[in-house]
PDB file of N, CA and C in Angstrom:
ATOM      1  N   MET A   1    -113.879 144.304 166.714  1.00  0.00           N
ATOM      2  CA  MET A   1    -114.539 145.584 166.761  1.00  0.00           C
ATOM      3  C   MET A   1    -115.705 145.485 167.742  1.00  0.00           C
ATOM      4  N   SER A   2    -115.780 146.379 168.695  1.00  0.00           N
ATOM      5  CA  SER A   2    -116.835 146.363 169.691  1.00  0.00           C
ATOM      6  C   SER A   2    -118.003 147.211 169.221  1.00  0.00           C
ATOM      7  N   HIS A   3    -119.195 146.688 169.377  1.00  0.00           N
ATOM      8  CA  HIS A   3    -120.398 147.398 168.956  1.00  0.00           C
ATOM      9  C   HIS A   3    -121.321 147.530 170.158  1.00  0.00           C
ATOM     10  N   LYS A   4    -121.053 148.548 170.983  1.00  0.00           N
ATOM     11  CA  LYS A   4    -121.838 148.728 172.197  1.00  0.00           C
ATOM     12  C   LYS A   4    -123.206 149.321 171.868  1.00  0.00           C
ATOM     13  N   LYS A   5    -123.277 150.159 170.843  1.00  0.00           N
ATOM     14  CA  LYS A   5    -124.539 150.763 170.453  1.00  0.00           C
ATOM     15  C   LYS A   5    -125.353 149.744 169.665  1.00  0.00           C
ATOM     16  N   GLN A   6    -126.596 149.585 170.073  1.00  0.00           N
ATOM     17  CA  GLN A   6    -127.468 148.635 169.390  1.00  0.00           C
ATOM     18  C   GLN A   6    -127.786 149.143 167.986  1.00  0.00           C
ATOM     19  N   HIS A   7    -127.732 148.251 167.019  1.00  0.00           N
ATOM     20  CA  HIS A   7    -128.068 148.601 165.649  1.00  0.00           C
ATOM     21  C   HIS A   7    -129.572 148.811 165.550  1.00  0.00           C
ATOM     22  N   THR A   8    -129.986 149.519 164.521  1.00  0.00           N
ATOM     23  CA  THR A   8    -131.401 149.846 164.379  1.00  0.00           C
ATOM     24  C   THR A   8    -132.277 148.617 164.209  1.00  0.00           C
ATOM     25  N   SER A   9    -131.735 147.538 163.666  1.00  0.00           N
ATOM     26  CA  SER A   9    -132.544 146.352 163.391  1.00  0.00           C
ATOM     27  C   SER A   9    -132.655 145.386 164.564  1.00  0.00           C
ATOM     28  N   HIS A  10    -131.918 145.590 165.616  1.00  0.00           N
ATOM     29  CA  HIS A  10    -131.859 144.589 166.686  1.00  0.00           C
ATOM     30  C   HIS A  10    -133.234 144.252 167.259  1.00  0.00           C
ATOM     31  N   GLU A  11    -134.052 145.254 167.501  1.00  0.00           N
ATOM     32  CA  GLU A  11    -135.375 144.986 168.067  1.00  0.00           C
ATOM     33  C   GLU A  11    -136.225 144.187 167.074  1.00  0.00           C
ATOM     34  N   GLU A  12    -136.182 144.573 165.799  1.00  0.00           N
ATOM     35  CA  GLU A  12    -136.933 143.854 164.761  1.00  0.00           C
ATOM     36  C   GLU A  12    -136.449 142.409 164.636  1.00  0.00           C
ATOM     37  N   VAL A  13    -135.141 142.216 164.624  1.00  0.00           N
ATOM     38  CA  VAL A  13    -134.579 140.871 164.498  1.00  0.00           C
ATOM     39  C   VAL A  13    -134.954 140.029 165.706  1.00  0.00           C
ATOM     40  N   SER A  14    -134.891 140.610 166.876  1.00  0.00           N
ATOM     41  CA  SER A  14    -135.262 139.896 168.093  1.00  0.00           C
ATOM     42  C   SER A  14    -136.723 139.440 168.029  1.00  0.00           C
ATOM     43  N   LYS A  15    -137.609 140.306 167.577  1.00  0.00           N
ATOM     44  CA  LYS A  15    -139.023 139.945 167.447  1.00  0.00           C
ATOM     45  C   LYS A  15    -139.206 138.818 166.444  1.00  0.00           C
ATOM     46  N   ARG A  16    -138.509 138.894 165.312  1.00  0.00           N
ATOM     47  CA  ARG A  16    -138.597 137.842 164.292  1.00  0.00           C
ATOM     48  C   ARG A  16    -138.141 136.499 164.856  1.00  0.00           C
ATOM     49  N   LEU A  17    -137.040 136.524 165.595  1.00  0.00           N
ATOM     50  CA  LEU A  17    -136.500 135.278 166.143  1.00  0.00           C
ATOM     51  C   LEU A  17    -137.396 134.697 167.235  1.00  0.00           C
ATOM     52  N   LYS A  18    -138.003 135.552 168.029  1.00  0.00           N
ATOM     53  CA  LYS A  18    -138.934 135.071 169.049  1.00  0.00           C
ATOM     54  C   LYS A  18    -140.150 134.422 168.388  1.00  0.00           C
ATOM     55  N   ARG A  19    -140.613 135.022 167.290  1.00  0.00           N
ATOM     56  CA  ARG A  19    -141.729 134.439 166.548  1.00  0.00           C
ATOM     57  C   ARG A  19    -141.324 133.087 165.962  1.00  0.00           C
ATOM     58  N   ALA A  20    -140.127 133.021 165.393  1.00  0.00           N
ATOM     59  CA  ALA A  20    -139.622 131.764 164.829  1.00  0.00           C
ATOM     60  C   ALA A  20    -139.476 130.710 165.924  1.00  0.00           C
ATOM     61  N   LYS A  21    -139.050 131.140 167.103  1.00  0.00           N
ATOM     62  CA  LYS A  21    -138.917 130.213 168.236  1.00  0.00           C
ATOM     63  C   LYS A  21    -140.271 129.597 168.579  1.00  0.00           C
ATOM     64  N   GLY A  22    -141.306 130.418 168.588  1.00  0.00           N
ATOM     65  CA  GLY A  22    -142.650 129.915 168.859  1.00  0.00           C
ATOM     66  C   GLY A  22    -143.094 128.923 167.804  1.00  0.00           C
ATOM     67  N   HIS A  23    -142.803 129.228 166.541  1.00  0.00           N
ATOM     68  CA  HIS A  23    -143.152 128.317 165.455  1.00  0.00           C
ATOM     69  C   HIS A  23    -142.368 127.008 165.575  1.00  0.00           C
ATOM     70  N   LEU A  24    -141.105 127.100 165.960  1.00  0.00           N
ATOM     71  CA  LEU A  24    -140.287 125.898 166.116  1.00  0.00           C
ATOM     72  C   LEU A  24    -140.829 125.013 167.242  1.00  0.00           C
ATOM     73  N   GLU A  25    -141.260 125.632 168.318  1.00  0.00           N
ATOM     74  CA  GLU A  25    -141.868 124.865 169.404  1.00  0.00           C
ATOM     75  C   GLU A  25    -143.130 124.153 168.916  1.00  0.00           C
ATOM     76  N   THR A  26    -143.886 124.824 168.043  1.00  0.00           N
ATOM     77  CA  THR A  26    -145.071 124.206 167.455  1.00  0.00           C
ATOM     78  C   THR A  26    -144.684 123.007 166.604  1.00  0.00           C
ATOM     79  N   VAL A  27    -143.599 123.139 165.832  1.00  0.00           N
ATOM     80  CA  VAL A  27    -143.134 122.030 164.995  1.00  0.00           C
ATOM     81  C   VAL A  27    -142.743 120.838 165.860  1.00  0.00           C
ATOM     82  N   ILE A  28    -142.061 121.092 166.945  1.00  0.00           N
ATOM     83  CA  ILE A  28    -141.673 120.010 167.856  1.00  0.00           C
ATOM     84  C   ILE A  28    -142.913 119.286 168.360  1.00  0.00           C
ATOM     85  N   ASN A  29    -143.928 120.054 168.749  1.00  0.00           N
ATOM     86  CA  ASN A  29    -145.178 119.447 169.212  1.00  0.00           C
ATOM     87  C   ASN A  29    -145.845 118.647 168.094  1.00  0.00           C
ATOM     88  N   MET A  30    -145.781 119.164 166.867  1.00  0.00           N
ATOM     89  CA  MET A  30    -146.367 118.451 165.730  1.00  0.00           C
ATOM     90  C   MET A  30    -145.685 117.096 165.542  1.00  0.00           C
ATOM     91  N   ILE A  31    -144.367 117.079 165.670  1.00  0.00           N
ATOM     92  CA  ILE A  31    -143.628 115.822 165.520  1.00  0.00           C
ATOM     93  C   ILE A  31    -144.001 114.863 166.635  1.00  0.00           C
ATOM     94  N   GLU A  32    -144.049 115.364 167.856  1.00  0.00           N
ATOM     95  CA  GLU A  32    -144.411 114.520 168.990  1.00  0.00           C
ATOM     96  C   GLU A  32    -145.836 113.990 168.871  1.00  0.00           C
ATOM     97  N   ASP A  33    -146.709 114.777 168.239  1.00  0.00           N
ATOM     98  CA  ASP A  33    -148.108 114.372 168.044  1.00  0.00           C
ATOM     99  C   ASP A  33    -148.291 113.540 166.771  1.00  0.00           C
ATOM    100  N   GLU A  34    -147.176 113.246 166.111  1.00  0.00           N
ATOM    101  CA  GLU A  34    -147.173 112.441 164.889  1.00  0.00           C
ATOM    102  C   GLU A  34    -148.087 113.007 163.805  1.00  0.00           C
ATOM    103  N   ARG A  35    -147.975 114.320 163.605  1.00  0.00           N
ATOM    104  CA  ARG A  35    -148.753 114.975 162.554  1.00  0.00           C
ATOM    105  C   ARG A  35    -148.223 114.564 161.192  1.00  0.00           C
ATOM    106  N   GLU A  36    -148.984 114.849 160.166  1.00  0.00           N
ATOM    107  CA  GLU A  36    -148.602 114.498 158.793  1.00  0.00           C
ATOM    108  C   GLU A  36    -147.239 115.088 158.450  1.00  0.00           C
ATOM    109  N   CYS A  37    -146.419 114.285 157.770  1.00  0.00           N
ATOM    110  CA  CYS A  37    -145.054 114.694 157.410  1.00  0.00           C
ATOM    111  C   CYS A  37    -145.039 115.963 156.565  1.00  0.00           C
ATOM    112  N   VAL A  38    -145.973 116.066 155.657  1.00  0.00           N
ATOM    113  CA  VAL A  38    -146.024 117.246 154.786  1.00  0.00           C
ATOM    114  C   VAL A  38    -146.298 118.501 155.607  1.00  0.00           C
ATOM    115  N   ASP A  39    -147.168 118.407 156.587  1.00  0.00           N
ATOM    116  CA  ASP A  39    -147.465 119.555 157.448  1.00  0.00           C
ATOM    117  C   ASP A  39    -146.244 119.964 158.255  1.00  0.00           C
ATOM    118  N   VAL A  40    -145.541 118.980 158.792  1.00  0.00           N
ATOM    119  CA  VAL A  40    -144.325 119.263 159.573  1.00  0.00           C
ATOM    120  C   VAL A  40    -143.264 119.894 158.670  1.00  0.00           C
ATOM    121  N   ALA A  41    -143.067 119.321 157.498  1.00  0.00           N
ATOM    122  CA  ALA A  41    -142.066 119.851 156.562  1.00  0.00           C
ATOM    123  C   ALA A  41    -142.399 121.290 156.167  1.00  0.00           C
ATOM    124  N   ARG A  42    -143.681 121.559 155.941  1.00  0.00           N
ATOM    125  CA  ARG A  42    -144.113 122.913 155.577  1.00  0.00           C
ATOM    126  C   ARG A  42    -143.772 123.896 156.696  1.00  0.00           C
ATOM    127  N   GLN A  43    -144.039 123.503 157.929  1.00  0.00           N
ATOM    128  CA  GLN A  43    -143.752 124.381 159.058  1.00  0.00           C
ATOM    129  C   GLN A  43    -142.249 124.553 159.280  1.00  0.00           C
ATOM    130  N   LEU A  44    -141.494 123.476 159.091  1.00  0.00           N
ATOM    131  CA  LEU A  44    -140.030 123.582 159.197  1.00  0.00           C
ATOM    132  C   LEU A  44    -139.484 124.540 158.151  1.00  0.00           C
ATOM    133  N   HIS A  45    -140.039 124.459 156.957  1.00  0.00           N
ATOM    134  CA  HIS A  45    -139.615 125.363 155.883  1.00  0.00           C
ATOM    135  C   HIS A  45    -139.902 126.821 156.274  1.00  0.00           C
ATOM    136  N   ALA A  46    -141.070 127.063 156.841  1.00  0.00           N
ATOM    137  CA  ALA A  46    -141.431 128.419 157.268  1.00  0.00           C
ATOM    138  C   ALA A  46    -140.491 128.927 158.356  1.00  0.00           C
ATOM    139  N   VAL A  47    -140.141 128.052 159.306  1.00  0.00           N
ATOM    140  CA  VAL A  47    -139.213 128.440 160.380  1.00  0.00           C
ATOM    141  C   VAL A  47    -137.846 128.785 159.789  1.00  0.00           C
ATOM    142  N   ALA A  48    -137.373 127.944 158.875  1.00  0.00           N
ATOM    143  CA  ALA A  48    -136.057 128.181 158.257  1.00  0.00           C
ATOM    144  C   ALA A  48    -136.055 129.496 157.494  1.00  0.00           C
ATOM    145  N   LYS A  49    -137.127 129.792 156.765  1.00  0.00           N
ATOM    146  CA  LYS A  49    -137.216 131.051 156.019  1.00  0.00           C
ATOM    147  C   LYS A  49    -137.242 132.244 156.968  1.00  0.00           C
ATOM    148  N   ALA A  50    -137.953 132.117 158.088  1.00  0.00           N
ATOM    149  CA  ALA A  50    -138.028 133.204 159.056  1.00  0.00           C
ATOM    150  C   ALA A  50    -136.660 133.493 159.663  1.00  0.00           C
ATOM    151  N   ILE A  51    -135.925 132.441 159.978  1.00  0.00           N
ATOM    152  CA  ILE A  51    -134.582 132.621 160.543  1.00  0.00           C
ATOM    153  C   ILE A  51    -133.645 133.215 159.493  1.00  0.00           C
ATOM    154  N   ALA A  52    -133.731 132.741 158.258  1.00  0.00           N
ATOM    155  CA  ALA A  52    -132.890 133.275 157.183  1.00  0.00           C
ATOM    156  C   ALA A  52    -133.181 134.756 156.958  1.00  0.00           C
ATOM    157  N   ALA A  53    -134.446 135.139 157.021  1.00  0.00           N
ATOM    158  CA  ALA A  53    -134.804 136.548 156.839  1.00  0.00           C
ATOM    159  C   ALA A  53    -134.251 137.402 157.979  1.00  0.00           C
ATOM    160  N   ALA A  54    -134.347 136.901 159.209  1.00  0.00           N
ATOM    161  CA  ALA A  54    -133.802 137.630 160.358  1.00  0.00           C
ATOM    162  C   ALA A  54    -132.294 137.784 160.223  1.00  0.00           C
ATOM    163  N   LYS A  55    -131.638 136.729 159.787  1.00  0.00           N
ATOM    164  CA  LYS A  55    -130.179 136.774 159.596  1.00  0.00           C
ATOM    165  C   LYS A  55    -129.809 137.822 158.547  1.00  0.00           C
ATOM    166  N   SER A  56    -130.538 137.836 157.465  1.00  0.00           N
ATOM    167  CA  SER A  56    -130.259 138.782 156.392  1.00  0.00           C
ATOM    168  C   SER A  56    -130.404 140.230 156.859  1.00  0.00           C
ATOM    169  N   VAL A  57    -131.498 140.517 157.555  1.00  0.00           N
ATOM    170  CA  VAL A  57    -131.714 141.867 158.079  1.00  0.00           C
ATOM    171  C   VAL A  57    -130.586 142.234 159.034  1.00  0.00           C
ATOM    172  N   TYR A  58    -130.225 141.319 159.908  1.00  0.00           N
ATOM    173  CA  TYR A  58    -129.179 141.575 160.905  1.00  0.00           C
ATOM    174  C   TYR A  58    -127.828 141.867 160.245  1.00  0.00           C
ATOM    175  N   ILE A  59    -127.444 141.030 159.306  1.00  0.00           N
ATOM    176  CA  ILE A  59    -126.141 141.194 158.655  1.00  0.00           C
ATOM    177  C   ILE A  59    -126.099 142.467 157.820  1.00  0.00           C
ATOM    178  N   HIS A  60    -127.134 142.710 157.036  1.00  0.00           N
ATOM    179  CA  HIS A  60    -127.151 143.913 156.210  1.00  0.00           C
ATOM    180  C   HIS A  60    -127.128 145.174 157.068  1.00  0.00           C
ATOM    181  N   ASP A  61    -127.862 145.163 158.182  1.00  0.00           N
ATOM    182  CA  ASP A  61    -127.846 146.310 159.082  1.00  0.00           C
ATOM    183  C   ASP A  61    -126.454 146.514 159.674  1.00  0.00           C
ATOM    184  N   HIS A  62    -125.801 145.417 160.022  1.00  0.00           N
ATOM    185  CA  HIS A  62    -124.451 145.529 160.587  1.00  0.00           C
ATOM    186  C   HIS A  62    -123.494 146.157 159.569  1.00  0.00           C
ATOM    187  N   ILE A  63    -123.547 145.690 158.350  1.00  0.00           N
ATOM    188  CA  ILE A  63    -122.664 146.228 157.308  1.00  0.00           C
ATOM    189  C   ILE A  63    -122.958 147.710 157.080  1.00  0.00           C
ATOM    190  N   GLU A  64    -124.241 148.039 157.000  1.00  0.00           N
ATOM    191  CA  GLU A  64    -124.632 149.439 156.808  1.00  0.00           C
ATOM    192  C   GLU A  64    -124.133 150.290 157.967  1.00  0.00           C
ATOM    193  N   HIS A  65    -124.265 149.776 159.172  1.00  0.00           N
ATOM    194  CA  HIS A  65    -123.809 150.475 160.376  1.00  0.00           C
ATOM    195  C   HIS A  65    -122.290 150.722 160.317  1.00  0.00           C
ATOM    196  N   CYS A  66    -121.555 149.729 159.843  1.00  0.00           N
ATOM    197  CA  CYS A  66    -120.101 149.857 159.759  1.00  0.00           C
ATOM    198  C   CYS A  66    -119.670 150.865 158.695  1.00  0.00           C
ATOM    199  N   LEU A  67    -120.476 151.012 157.660  1.00  0.00           N
ATOM    200  CA  LEU A  67    -120.098 151.854 156.530  1.00  0.00           C
ATOM    201  C   LEU A  67    -120.822 153.199 156.496  1.00  0.00           C
ATOM    202  N   ASP A  68    -121.545 153.544 157.547  1.00  0.00           N
ATOM    203  CA  ASP A  68    -122.357 154.759 157.515  1.00  0.00           C
ATOM    204  C   ASP A  68    -121.565 156.057 157.678  1.00  0.00           C
ATOM    205  N   GLY A  69    -120.271 155.948 157.825  1.00  0.00           N
ATOM    206  CA  GLY A  69    -119.437 157.144 157.930  1.00  0.00           C
ATOM    207  C   GLY A  69    -119.172 157.597 159.348  1.00  0.00           C
ATOM    208  N   SER A  70    -119.800 156.985 160.324  1.00  0.00           N
ATOM    209  CA  SER A  70    -119.612 157.408 161.708  1.00  0.00           C
ATOM    210  C   SER A  70    -118.449 156.690 162.393  1.00  0.00           C
ATOM    211  N   HIS A  71    -117.871 155.716 161.712  1.00  0.00           N
ATOM    212  CA  HIS A  71    -116.752 154.960 162.286  1.00  0.00           C
ATOM    213  C   HIS A  71    -115.429 155.498 161.738  1.00  0.00           C
ATOM    214  N   LYS A  72    -114.499 155.708 162.633  1.00  0.00           N
ATOM    215  CA  LYS A  72    -113.180 156.170 162.215  1.00  0.00           C
ATOM    216  C   LYS A  72    -112.385 155.034 161.593  1.00  0.00           C
ATOM    217  N   ASN A  73    -112.514 153.867 162.175  1.00  0.00           N
ATOM    218  CA  ASN A  73    -111.763 152.703 161.697  1.00  0.00           C
ATOM    219  C   ASN A  73    -112.728 151.622 161.245  1.00  0.00           C
ATOM    220  N   ILE A  74    -112.752 151.374 159.959  1.00  0.00           N
ATOM    221  CA  ILE A  74    -113.596 150.310 159.422  1.00  0.00           C
ATOM    222  C   ILE A  74    -112.763 149.042 159.367  1.00  0.00           C
ATOM    223  N   ASP A  75    -113.276 147.987 159.987  1.00  0.00           N
ATOM    224  CA  ASP A  75    -112.588 146.706 160.026  1.00  0.00           C
ATOM    225  C   ASP A  75    -113.017 145.884 158.813  1.00  0.00           C
ATOM    226  N   LEU A  76    -112.247 145.978 157.740  1.00  0.00           N
ATOM    227  CA  LEU A  76    -112.591 145.280 156.504  1.00  0.00           C
ATOM    228  C   LEU A  76    -112.574 143.772 156.672  1.00  0.00           C
ATOM    229  N   ASP A  77    -111.703 143.269 157.530  1.00  0.00           N
ATOM    230  CA  ASP A  77    -111.681 141.829 157.780  1.00  0.00           C
ATOM    231  C   ASP A  77    -112.996 141.363 158.400  1.00  0.00           C
ATOM    232  N   GLU A  78    -113.529 142.173 159.301  1.00  0.00           N
ATOM    233  CA  GLU A  78    -114.806 141.827 159.921  1.00  0.00           C
ATOM    234  C   GLU A  78    -115.933 141.853 158.880  1.00  0.00           C
ATOM    235  N   ILE A  79    -115.919 142.839 158.019  1.00  0.00           N
ATOM    236  CA  ILE A  79    -116.941 142.922 156.972  1.00  0.00           C
ATOM    237  C   ILE A  79    -116.833 141.724 156.034  1.00  0.00           C
ATOM    238  N   LYS A  80    -115.624 141.356 155.662  1.00  0.00           N
ATOM    239  CA  LYS A  80    -115.432 140.173 154.815  1.00  0.00           C
ATOM    240  C   LYS A  80    -115.950 138.923 155.524  1.00  0.00           C
ATOM    241  N   GLU A  81    -115.646 138.816 156.807  1.00  0.00           N
ATOM    242  CA  GLU A  81    -116.065 137.644 157.577  1.00  0.00           C
ATOM    243  C   GLU A  81    -117.591 137.549 157.651  1.00  0.00           C
ATOM    244  N   ILE A  82    -118.250 138.645 157.958  1.00  0.00           N
ATOM    245  CA  ILE A  82    -119.706 138.582 158.144  1.00  0.00           C
ATOM    246  C   ILE A  82    -120.425 138.375 156.812  1.00  0.00           C
ATOM    247  N   THR A  83    -119.863 138.841 155.710  1.00  0.00           N
ATOM    248  CA  THR A  83    -120.526 138.645 154.420  1.00  0.00           C
ATOM    249  C   THR A  83    -120.565 137.177 154.004  1.00  0.00           C
ATOM    250  N   LYS A  84    -119.721 136.357 154.589  1.00  0.00           N
ATOM    251  CA  LYS A  84    -119.754 134.928 154.308  1.00  0.00           C
ATOM    252  C   LYS A  84    -121.084 134.307 154.717  1.00  0.00           C
ATOM    253  N   TYR A  85    -121.750 134.919 155.648  1.00  0.00           N
ATOM    254  CA  TYR A  85    -122.973 134.347 156.202  1.00  0.00           C
ATOM    255  C   TYR A  85    -124.248 134.868 155.521  1.00  0.00           C
ATOM    256  N   ILE A  86    -124.109 135.740 154.549  1.00  0.00           N
ATOM    257  CA  ILE A  86    -125.283 136.299 153.886  1.00  0.00           C
ATOM    258  C   ILE A  86    -126.088 135.209 153.181  1.00  0.00           C
ATOM    259  N   SER A  87    -125.451 134.363 152.429  1.00  0.00           N
ATOM    260  CA  SER A  87    -126.189 133.378 151.640  1.00  0.00           C
ATOM    261  C   SER A  87    -126.179 131.986 152.260  1.00  0.00           C
ATOM    262  N   ASN A  88    -125.499 131.790 153.348  1.00  0.00           N
ATOM    263  CA  ASN A  88    -125.435 130.451 153.955  1.00  0.00           C
ATOM    264  C   ASN A  88    -126.488 130.258 155.009  1.00  0.00           C
TER     265      ASN A  88
END
Protein backbone atom coordinates (compact mmCIF):
# COMPACT_ATOMS: atom_id res chain seq x y z
CA MET A 1 0.00 0.00 0.00
CA SER A 2 1.49 3.35 -1.02
CA HIS A 3 1.19 6.25 1.38
CA LYS A 4 2.17 9.36 -0.54
CA LYS A 5 0.32 11.71 1.81
CA GLN A 6 2.26 12.39 4.98
CA HIS A 7 0.50 11.27 8.14
CA THR A 8 -0.31 13.88 10.74
CA SER A 9 2.32 12.56 13.16
CA HIS A 10 5.29 12.52 10.79
CA GLU A 11 6.60 15.95 11.77
CA GLU A 12 6.21 15.17 15.49
CA VAL A 13 7.88 11.77 15.11
CA SER A 14 10.72 13.28 13.12
CA LYS A 15 11.33 15.88 15.86
CA ARG A 16 11.29 13.17 18.55
CA LEU A 17 13.79 11.06 16.63
CA LYS A 18 16.10 14.00 15.99
CA ARG A 19 16.04 14.74 19.72
CA ALA A 20 16.78 11.08 20.49
CA LYS A 21 19.63 11.18 17.96
CA GLY A 22 21.17 14.10 19.83
CA HIS A 23 20.83 12.25 23.13
CA LEU A 24 22.39 9.14 21.59
CA GLU A 25 25.35 11.17 20.38
CA THR A 26 25.71 12.44 23.96
CA VAL A 27 25.70 8.85 25.24
CA ILE A 28 28.45 7.91 22.80
CA ASN A 29 30.52 10.83 24.06
CA MET A 30 29.83 9.77 27.65
CA ILE A 31 31.15 6.29 26.90
CA GLU A 32 34.21 7.66 25.16
CA ASP A 33 34.81 9.98 28.14
CA GLU A 34 34.49 6.98 30.47
CA ARG A 35 31.63 8.48 32.45
CA GLU A 36 30.02 6.56 35.29
CA CYS A 37 28.22 3.41 34.13
CA VAL A 38 25.03 4.34 35.95
CA ASP A 39 24.91 7.71 34.18
CA VAL A 40 25.44 6.08 30.78
CA ALA A 41 22.80 3.42 31.50
CA ARG A 42 20.34 6.11 32.60
CA GLN A 43 20.86 8.04 29.37
CA LEU A 44 20.61 4.88 27.25
CA HIS A 45 17.33 4.09 28.97
CA ALA A 46 16.04 7.59 28.16
CA VAL A 47 17.06 7.23 24.50
CA ALA A 48 15.34 3.83 24.25
CA LYS A 49 12.15 5.23 25.81
CA ALA A 50 12.19 8.20 23.42
CA ILE A 51 12.54 5.93 20.40
CA ALA A 52 9.82 3.59 21.70
CA ALA A 53 7.47 6.55 22.18
CA ALA A 54 8.16 7.81 18.65
CA LYS A 55 7.52 4.33 17.27
CA SER A 56 4.24 4.07 19.14
CA VAL A 57 2.99 7.44 17.89
CA TYR A 58 4.03 6.56 14.33
CA ILE A 59 2.38 3.14 14.29
CA HIS A 60 -0.84 4.26 15.95
CA ASP A 61 -1.11 7.20 13.55
CA HIS A 62 -0.58 4.87 10.60
CA ILE A 63 -3.32 2.51 11.77
CA GLU A 64 -5.68 5.42 12.42
CA HIS A 65 -4.88 6.81 8.97
CA CYS A 66 -5.67 3.45 7.37
CA LEU A 67 -8.97 3.11 9.21
CA ASP A 68 -10.23 6.70 9.01
CA GLY A 69 -12.72 5.89 6.26
CA SER A 70 -10.92 7.73 3.48
CA HIS A 71 -9.38 4.57 2.02
CA LYS A 72 -11.33 2.46 -0.43
CA ASN A 73 -9.15 -0.59 0.08
CA ILE A 74 -7.91 -1.37 3.56
CA ASP A 75 -4.92 -3.71 3.53
CA LEU A 76 -5.59 -5.90 6.56
CA ASP A 77 -2.36 -7.81 6.04
CA GLU A 78 -0.43 -4.56 6.33
CA ILE A 79 -2.30 -3.62 9.50
CA LYS A 80 -1.58 -7.05 10.98
CA GLU A 81 2.08 -6.71 10.02
CA ILE A 82 2.56 -3.25 11.52
CA THR A 83 0.79 -4.16 14.78
CA LYS A 84 3.55 -6.67 15.45
CA TYR A 85 5.85 -3.75 16.14
CA ILE A 86 3.66 -1.99 18.71
CA SER A 87 5.10 -3.72 21.76
CA ASN A 88 8.49 -4.81 20.41
